[in-house]
N, C-alpha and C. Protein backbone atom coordinates (compact mmCIF):
# COMPACT_ATOMS: atom_id res chain seq x y z
N MET A 1 3.54 -23.51 21.78
CA MET A 1 3.79 -24.88 21.37
C MET A 1 3.37 -25.80 22.51
N VAL A 2 2.93 -26.97 22.17
CA VAL A 2 2.48 -27.95 23.17
C VAL A 2 3.70 -28.52 23.87
N GLN A 3 3.61 -28.61 25.20
CA GLN A 3 4.72 -29.18 25.95
C GLN A 3 4.67 -30.70 25.83
N ASN A 4 5.79 -31.35 26.09
CA ASN A 4 5.91 -32.79 25.92
C ASN A 4 5.38 -33.59 27.10
N LYS A 5 4.63 -32.98 28.02
CA LYS A 5 4.14 -33.71 29.19
C LYS A 5 3.26 -34.88 28.75
N GLU A 6 2.20 -34.58 28.05
CA GLU A 6 1.32 -35.66 27.64
C GLU A 6 0.67 -35.26 26.31
N LYS A 7 1.03 -35.96 25.26
CA LYS A 7 0.43 -35.71 23.96
C LYS A 7 -0.52 -36.85 23.65
N LYS A 8 -1.71 -36.48 23.26
CA LYS A 8 -2.70 -37.49 22.95
C LYS A 8 -2.62 -37.84 21.48
N ARG A 9 -3.19 -38.96 21.15
CA ARG A 9 -3.23 -39.42 19.78
C ARG A 9 -4.40 -38.78 19.06
N LEU A 10 -4.19 -38.47 17.79
CA LEU A 10 -5.26 -37.93 16.95
C LEU A 10 -5.63 -38.97 15.90
N THR A 11 -6.88 -38.99 15.52
CA THR A 11 -7.31 -39.91 14.47
C THR A 11 -8.01 -39.13 13.37
N LEU A 12 -7.93 -39.67 12.18
CA LEU A 12 -8.60 -39.08 11.03
C LEU A 12 -9.69 -40.05 10.55
N THR A 13 -10.77 -39.48 10.09
CA THR A 13 -11.84 -40.32 9.55
C THR A 13 -11.64 -40.41 8.04
N GLY A 14 -11.28 -41.60 7.58
CA GLY A 14 -10.94 -41.80 6.18
C GLY A 14 -12.11 -41.76 5.23
N ASN A 15 -13.31 -42.10 5.69
CA ASN A 15 -14.44 -42.13 4.75
C ASN A 15 -14.98 -40.73 4.44
N LYS A 16 -14.41 -39.69 5.07
CA LYS A 16 -14.85 -38.33 4.81
C LYS A 16 -13.84 -37.53 3.99
N MET A 17 -12.92 -38.24 3.31
CA MET A 17 -11.94 -37.54 2.49
C MET A 17 -11.83 -38.21 1.13
N PRO A 18 -11.42 -37.47 0.11
CA PRO A 18 -11.25 -38.05 -1.23
C PRO A 18 -10.24 -39.20 -1.22
N GLU A 19 -10.43 -40.13 -2.12
CA GLU A 19 -9.62 -41.35 -2.17
C GLU A 19 -8.13 -41.06 -2.37
N GLU A 20 -7.80 -40.12 -3.28
CA GLU A 20 -6.38 -39.84 -3.55
C GLU A 20 -5.69 -39.23 -2.33
N ILE A 21 -6.41 -38.43 -1.54
CA ILE A 21 -5.84 -37.86 -0.32
C ILE A 21 -5.66 -38.95 0.73
N TYR A 22 -6.64 -39.84 0.84
CA TYR A 22 -6.53 -40.95 1.79
C TYR A 22 -5.32 -41.81 1.47
N LYS A 23 -5.11 -42.13 0.19
CA LYS A 23 -3.97 -42.96 -0.21
C LYS A 23 -2.65 -42.27 0.13
N LYS A 24 -2.57 -40.97 -0.12
CA LYS A 24 -1.36 -40.22 0.19
C LYS A 24 -1.07 -40.25 1.70
N LEU A 25 -2.10 -40.00 2.52
CA LEU A 25 -1.92 -40.01 3.97
C LEU A 25 -1.61 -41.41 4.49
N GLU A 26 -2.21 -42.42 3.88
CA GLU A 26 -1.94 -43.80 4.28
C GLU A 26 -0.49 -44.17 3.99
N GLU A 27 -0.01 -43.76 2.82
CA GLU A 27 1.38 -44.04 2.45
C GLU A 27 2.35 -43.34 3.41
N LEU A 28 2.08 -42.06 3.74
CA LEU A 28 2.94 -41.34 4.67
C LEU A 28 2.88 -41.95 6.07
N GLY A 29 1.70 -42.42 6.48
CA GLY A 29 1.55 -43.03 7.79
C GLY A 29 2.30 -44.34 7.90
N SER A 30 2.29 -45.11 6.82
CA SER A 30 2.98 -46.40 6.87
C SER A 30 4.50 -46.24 6.89
N THR A 31 5.01 -45.12 6.40
CA THR A 31 6.46 -44.87 6.43
C THR A 31 6.85 -43.94 7.58
N ARG A 32 5.91 -43.67 8.48
CA ARG A 32 6.12 -42.85 9.68
C ARG A 32 6.55 -41.42 9.33
N ARG A 33 6.00 -40.90 8.22
CA ARG A 33 6.28 -39.52 7.80
C ARG A 33 5.03 -38.65 7.84
N LEU A 34 3.94 -39.18 8.39
CA LEU A 34 2.69 -38.44 8.40
C LEU A 34 2.75 -37.23 9.34
N THR A 35 3.29 -37.39 10.51
CA THR A 35 3.35 -36.28 11.47
C THR A 35 4.17 -35.11 10.93
N PRO A 36 5.41 -35.34 10.43
CA PRO A 36 6.16 -34.21 9.87
C PRO A 36 5.43 -33.56 8.69
N TYR A 37 4.74 -34.37 7.90
CA TYR A 37 4.00 -33.84 6.75
C TYR A 37 2.88 -32.92 7.21
N ILE A 38 2.12 -33.33 8.21
CA ILE A 38 1.01 -32.52 8.71
C ILE A 38 1.55 -31.24 9.36
N VAL A 39 2.65 -31.36 10.11
CA VAL A 39 3.26 -30.18 10.73
C VAL A 39 3.67 -29.18 9.65
N SER A 40 4.28 -29.67 8.58
CA SER A 40 4.71 -28.76 7.52
C SER A 40 3.51 -28.11 6.82
N LEU A 41 2.41 -28.84 6.69
CA LEU A 41 1.21 -28.25 6.09
C LEU A 41 0.66 -27.12 6.95
N VAL A 42 0.62 -27.33 8.25
CA VAL A 42 0.11 -26.30 9.16
C VAL A 42 1.03 -25.09 9.14
N GLU A 43 2.35 -25.30 9.14
CA GLU A 43 3.30 -24.19 9.09
C GLU A 43 3.16 -23.40 7.79
N LYS A 44 2.99 -24.12 6.67
CA LYS A 44 2.79 -23.45 5.38
C LYS A 44 1.50 -22.65 5.38
N GLU A 45 0.47 -23.17 6.01
CA GLU A 45 -0.80 -22.44 6.09
C GLU A 45 -0.62 -21.15 6.89
N GLN A 46 0.13 -21.21 7.98
CA GLN A 46 0.39 -20.01 8.78
C GLN A 46 1.19 -18.98 7.98
N GLN A 47 2.18 -19.44 7.24
CA GLN A 47 2.97 -18.53 6.40
C GLN A 47 2.10 -17.90 5.32
N THR A 48 1.22 -18.70 4.73
CA THR A 48 0.32 -18.19 3.70
C THR A 48 -0.61 -17.14 4.27
N ASN A 49 -1.13 -17.37 5.46
CA ASN A 49 -2.01 -16.39 6.09
C ASN A 49 -1.27 -15.09 6.37
N GLN A 50 -0.03 -15.18 6.84
CA GLN A 50 0.77 -13.97 7.08
C GLN A 50 1.04 -13.23 5.77
N LEU A 51 1.30 -13.96 4.71
CA LEU A 51 1.54 -13.36 3.41
C LEU A 51 0.29 -12.64 2.91
N ILE A 52 -0.86 -13.26 3.08
CA ILE A 52 -2.12 -12.64 2.66
C ILE A 52 -2.36 -11.35 3.44
N GLU A 53 -2.08 -11.37 4.75
CA GLU A 53 -2.24 -10.16 5.56
C GLU A 53 -1.31 -9.05 5.09
N SER A 54 -0.07 -9.40 4.78
CA SER A 54 0.87 -8.38 4.31
C SER A 54 0.49 -7.88 2.93
N LEU A 55 -0.09 -8.73 2.10
CA LEU A 55 -0.54 -8.28 0.77
C LEU A 55 -1.67 -7.27 0.89
N SER A 56 -2.50 -7.40 1.92
CA SER A 56 -3.57 -6.43 2.14
C SER A 56 -2.99 -5.04 2.41
N SER A 57 -1.96 -4.97 3.23
CA SER A 57 -1.35 -3.67 3.52
C SER A 57 -0.64 -3.13 2.28
N VAL A 58 -0.06 -4.01 1.48
CA VAL A 58 0.58 -3.57 0.23
C VAL A 58 -0.48 -3.00 -0.72
N ALA A 59 -1.64 -3.62 -0.78
CA ALA A 59 -2.71 -3.13 -1.65
C ALA A 59 -3.16 -1.74 -1.21
N VAL A 60 -3.25 -1.51 0.09
CA VAL A 60 -3.65 -0.19 0.60
C VAL A 60 -2.60 0.84 0.21
N ARG A 61 -1.33 0.49 0.37
CA ARG A 61 -0.25 1.41 -0.01
C ARG A 61 -0.28 1.70 -1.51
N MET A 62 -0.55 0.68 -2.30
CA MET A 62 -0.61 0.86 -3.75
C MET A 62 -1.73 1.82 -4.13
N GLU A 63 -2.86 1.76 -3.43
CA GLU A 63 -3.95 2.70 -3.70
C GLU A 63 -3.49 4.12 -3.43
N GLY A 64 -2.77 4.31 -2.33
CA GLY A 64 -2.25 5.65 -2.02
C GLY A 64 -1.31 6.15 -3.09
N ILE A 65 -0.43 5.28 -3.55
CA ILE A 65 0.51 5.65 -4.61
C ILE A 65 -0.25 5.96 -5.90
N GLU A 66 -1.28 5.17 -6.20
CA GLU A 66 -2.09 5.40 -7.39
C GLU A 66 -2.74 6.78 -7.36
N HIS A 67 -3.26 7.17 -6.18
CA HIS A 67 -3.88 8.48 -6.05
C HIS A 67 -2.85 9.59 -6.27
N LYS A 68 -1.64 9.40 -5.74
CA LYS A 68 -0.59 10.40 -5.92
C LYS A 68 -0.19 10.52 -7.39
N VAL A 69 -0.07 9.39 -8.05
CA VAL A 69 0.29 9.40 -9.47
C VAL A 69 -0.82 10.08 -10.29
N ASP A 70 -2.07 9.79 -9.97
CA ASP A 70 -3.19 10.45 -10.66
C ASP A 70 -3.13 11.96 -10.45
N TYR A 71 -2.83 12.38 -9.22
CA TYR A 71 -2.74 13.81 -8.92
C TYR A 71 -1.61 14.45 -9.73
N ILE A 72 -0.47 13.79 -9.78
CA ILE A 72 0.67 14.31 -10.54
C ILE A 72 0.32 14.40 -12.01
N TYR A 73 -0.34 13.38 -12.54
CA TYR A 73 -0.73 13.38 -13.95
C TYR A 73 -1.70 14.53 -14.24
N GLU A 74 -2.69 14.73 -13.36
CA GLU A 74 -3.64 15.81 -13.55
C GLU A 74 -2.95 17.17 -13.48
N THR A 75 -2.00 17.31 -12.56
CA THR A 75 -1.27 18.56 -12.42
C THR A 75 -0.46 18.85 -13.67
N ILE A 76 0.21 17.84 -14.18
CA ILE A 76 1.02 18.02 -15.39
C ILE A 76 0.13 18.31 -16.59
N SER A 77 -0.99 17.60 -16.68
CA SER A 77 -1.89 17.78 -17.81
C SER A 77 -2.52 19.17 -17.83
N SER A 78 -2.83 19.70 -16.66
CA SER A 78 -3.47 21.01 -16.59
C SER A 78 -2.47 22.15 -16.75
N GLY A 79 -1.19 21.87 -16.63
CA GLY A 79 -0.17 22.89 -16.78
C GLY A 79 0.04 23.72 -15.54
N ASN A 80 -0.53 23.35 -14.43
CA ASN A 80 -0.37 24.09 -13.17
C ASN A 80 0.84 23.55 -12.41
N ILE A 81 2.00 23.70 -12.99
CA ILE A 81 3.22 23.18 -12.38
C ILE A 81 3.97 24.34 -11.77
N SER A 82 4.25 24.25 -10.49
CA SER A 82 5.07 25.28 -9.85
C SER A 82 6.46 24.71 -9.65
N THR A 83 7.43 25.58 -9.54
CA THR A 83 8.81 25.16 -9.38
C THR A 83 9.01 24.59 -7.99
N TYR A 84 9.68 23.48 -7.93
CA TYR A 84 9.98 22.85 -6.65
C TYR A 84 11.07 23.65 -5.97
N LYS A 85 10.84 24.05 -4.74
CA LYS A 85 11.79 24.90 -4.04
C LYS A 85 12.68 24.12 -3.10
N GLY A 86 12.58 22.83 -3.10
CA GLY A 86 13.45 22.02 -2.26
C GLY A 86 12.96 21.96 -0.84
N HIS A 87 13.76 21.35 -0.01
CA HIS A 87 13.42 21.18 1.40
C HIS A 87 13.57 22.52 2.10
N SER A 88 12.51 22.97 2.72
CA SER A 88 12.58 24.26 3.41
C SER A 88 13.11 24.04 4.82
N SER A 89 13.91 24.97 5.27
CA SER A 89 14.42 24.91 6.63
C SER A 89 14.38 26.32 7.19
N GLU A 90 14.57 26.43 8.47
CA GLU A 90 14.52 27.73 9.11
C GLU A 90 15.71 28.60 8.69
N GLU A 91 16.86 27.99 8.49
CA GLU A 91 18.04 28.73 8.08
C GLU A 91 18.08 28.84 6.57
N GLU A 92 18.43 30.01 6.10
CA GLU A 92 18.63 30.19 4.67
C GLU A 92 20.06 29.79 4.34
N PRO A 93 20.28 29.11 3.25
CA PRO A 93 21.65 28.73 2.92
C PRO A 93 22.46 29.97 2.52
N GLU A 94 23.77 29.88 2.72
CA GLU A 94 24.63 30.98 2.32
C GLU A 94 24.62 31.10 0.81
N GLU A 95 24.60 32.33 0.34
CA GLU A 95 24.61 32.54 -1.10
C GLU A 95 26.03 32.81 -1.54
N ILE A 96 26.51 32.05 -2.48
CA ILE A 96 27.85 32.24 -3.01
C ILE A 96 27.69 32.72 -4.45
N VAL A 97 28.21 33.89 -4.70
CA VAL A 97 28.09 34.50 -6.01
C VAL A 97 29.06 33.83 -6.96
N GLN A 98 28.61 33.62 -8.20
CA GLN A 98 29.45 32.96 -9.19
C GLN A 98 30.69 33.80 -9.47
N GLY A 99 31.81 33.15 -9.53
CA GLY A 99 33.06 33.83 -9.82
C GLY A 99 33.87 34.15 -8.58
N ASP A 100 33.25 34.18 -7.43
CA ASP A 100 33.97 34.45 -6.19
C ASP A 100 34.26 33.13 -5.49
N ILE A 101 35.39 33.05 -4.86
CA ILE A 101 35.72 31.88 -4.07
C ILE A 101 35.68 32.31 -2.61
N ASP A 102 34.75 31.79 -1.91
CA ASP A 102 34.61 32.12 -0.50
C ASP A 102 34.65 30.83 0.31
N VAL A 103 35.18 30.93 1.49
CA VAL A 103 35.17 29.81 2.41
C VAL A 103 34.09 30.09 3.43
N SER A 104 33.20 29.16 3.58
CA SER A 104 32.09 29.34 4.50
C SER A 104 32.55 29.20 5.93
N ASP A 105 31.94 29.96 6.82
CA ASP A 105 32.21 29.82 8.25
C ASP A 105 31.44 28.65 8.84
N LYS A 106 30.45 28.19 8.14
CA LYS A 106 29.62 27.07 8.61
C LYS A 106 30.19 25.77 8.06
N ILE A 107 30.96 25.08 8.86
CA ILE A 107 31.56 23.81 8.44
C ILE A 107 30.65 22.69 8.93
N ILE A 108 30.16 21.90 8.01
CA ILE A 108 29.20 20.85 8.33
C ILE A 108 29.91 19.54 8.67
N GLY A 109 30.99 19.25 8.03
CA GLY A 109 31.67 17.98 8.27
C GLY A 109 33.17 18.16 8.13
N GLY A 110 33.88 17.11 8.25
CA GLY A 110 35.31 17.20 8.10
C GLY A 110 35.96 15.84 8.21
N ILE A 111 37.25 15.82 7.92
CA ILE A 111 38.02 14.58 8.02
C ILE A 111 39.14 14.84 9.00
N GLU A 112 39.20 14.00 10.00
CA GLU A 112 40.27 14.13 10.97
C GLU A 112 41.20 12.93 10.81
N GLU A 113 42.43 13.21 10.41
CA GLU A 113 43.40 12.14 10.28
C GLU A 113 44.79 12.73 10.47
N GLU A 114 45.66 11.91 10.90
CA GLU A 114 47.04 12.35 11.07
C GLU A 114 47.80 12.08 9.80
N ILE A 115 48.53 13.10 9.35
CA ILE A 115 49.34 12.94 8.15
C ILE A 115 50.78 12.85 8.58
N GLU A 116 51.42 11.75 8.28
CA GLU A 116 52.80 11.54 8.68
C GLU A 116 53.71 12.08 7.60
N ASP A 117 54.81 12.68 8.04
CA ASP A 117 55.81 13.13 7.08
C ASP A 117 56.65 11.92 6.71
N ILE A 118 56.64 11.59 5.44
CA ILE A 118 57.40 10.44 4.96
C ILE A 118 58.52 10.95 4.09
N ASP A 119 59.71 10.53 4.38
CA ASP A 119 60.89 10.95 3.61
C ASP A 119 61.14 9.92 2.52
N PHE A 120 61.05 10.36 1.29
CA PHE A 120 61.27 9.44 0.18
C PHE A 120 62.70 9.45 -0.17
């Protein structure tokens, strides 16, 4: 941002702009609202440019998603579907046989709280 040490005056050439734009700028200038108006236009232009840049990355991502969807569609259409085996890890999960109740030695989480004896 420009520091407040010394700001110079800017001028616009009115004969190089359409009449309706000149009238709008003249009206804003006479009410001392031209500077805030121009600042807001420049800020909006910067925001628009940032939005356009982000839309470009969204378009690239959409192409990737489109390719994945096409691949899934082709796989389903051809009938070459294999069963999803889930997230593979180095450890095999414990197998619990149906009908048996076993308590695992591998405790992943827990709740630690104090239980007070309350006499009703």
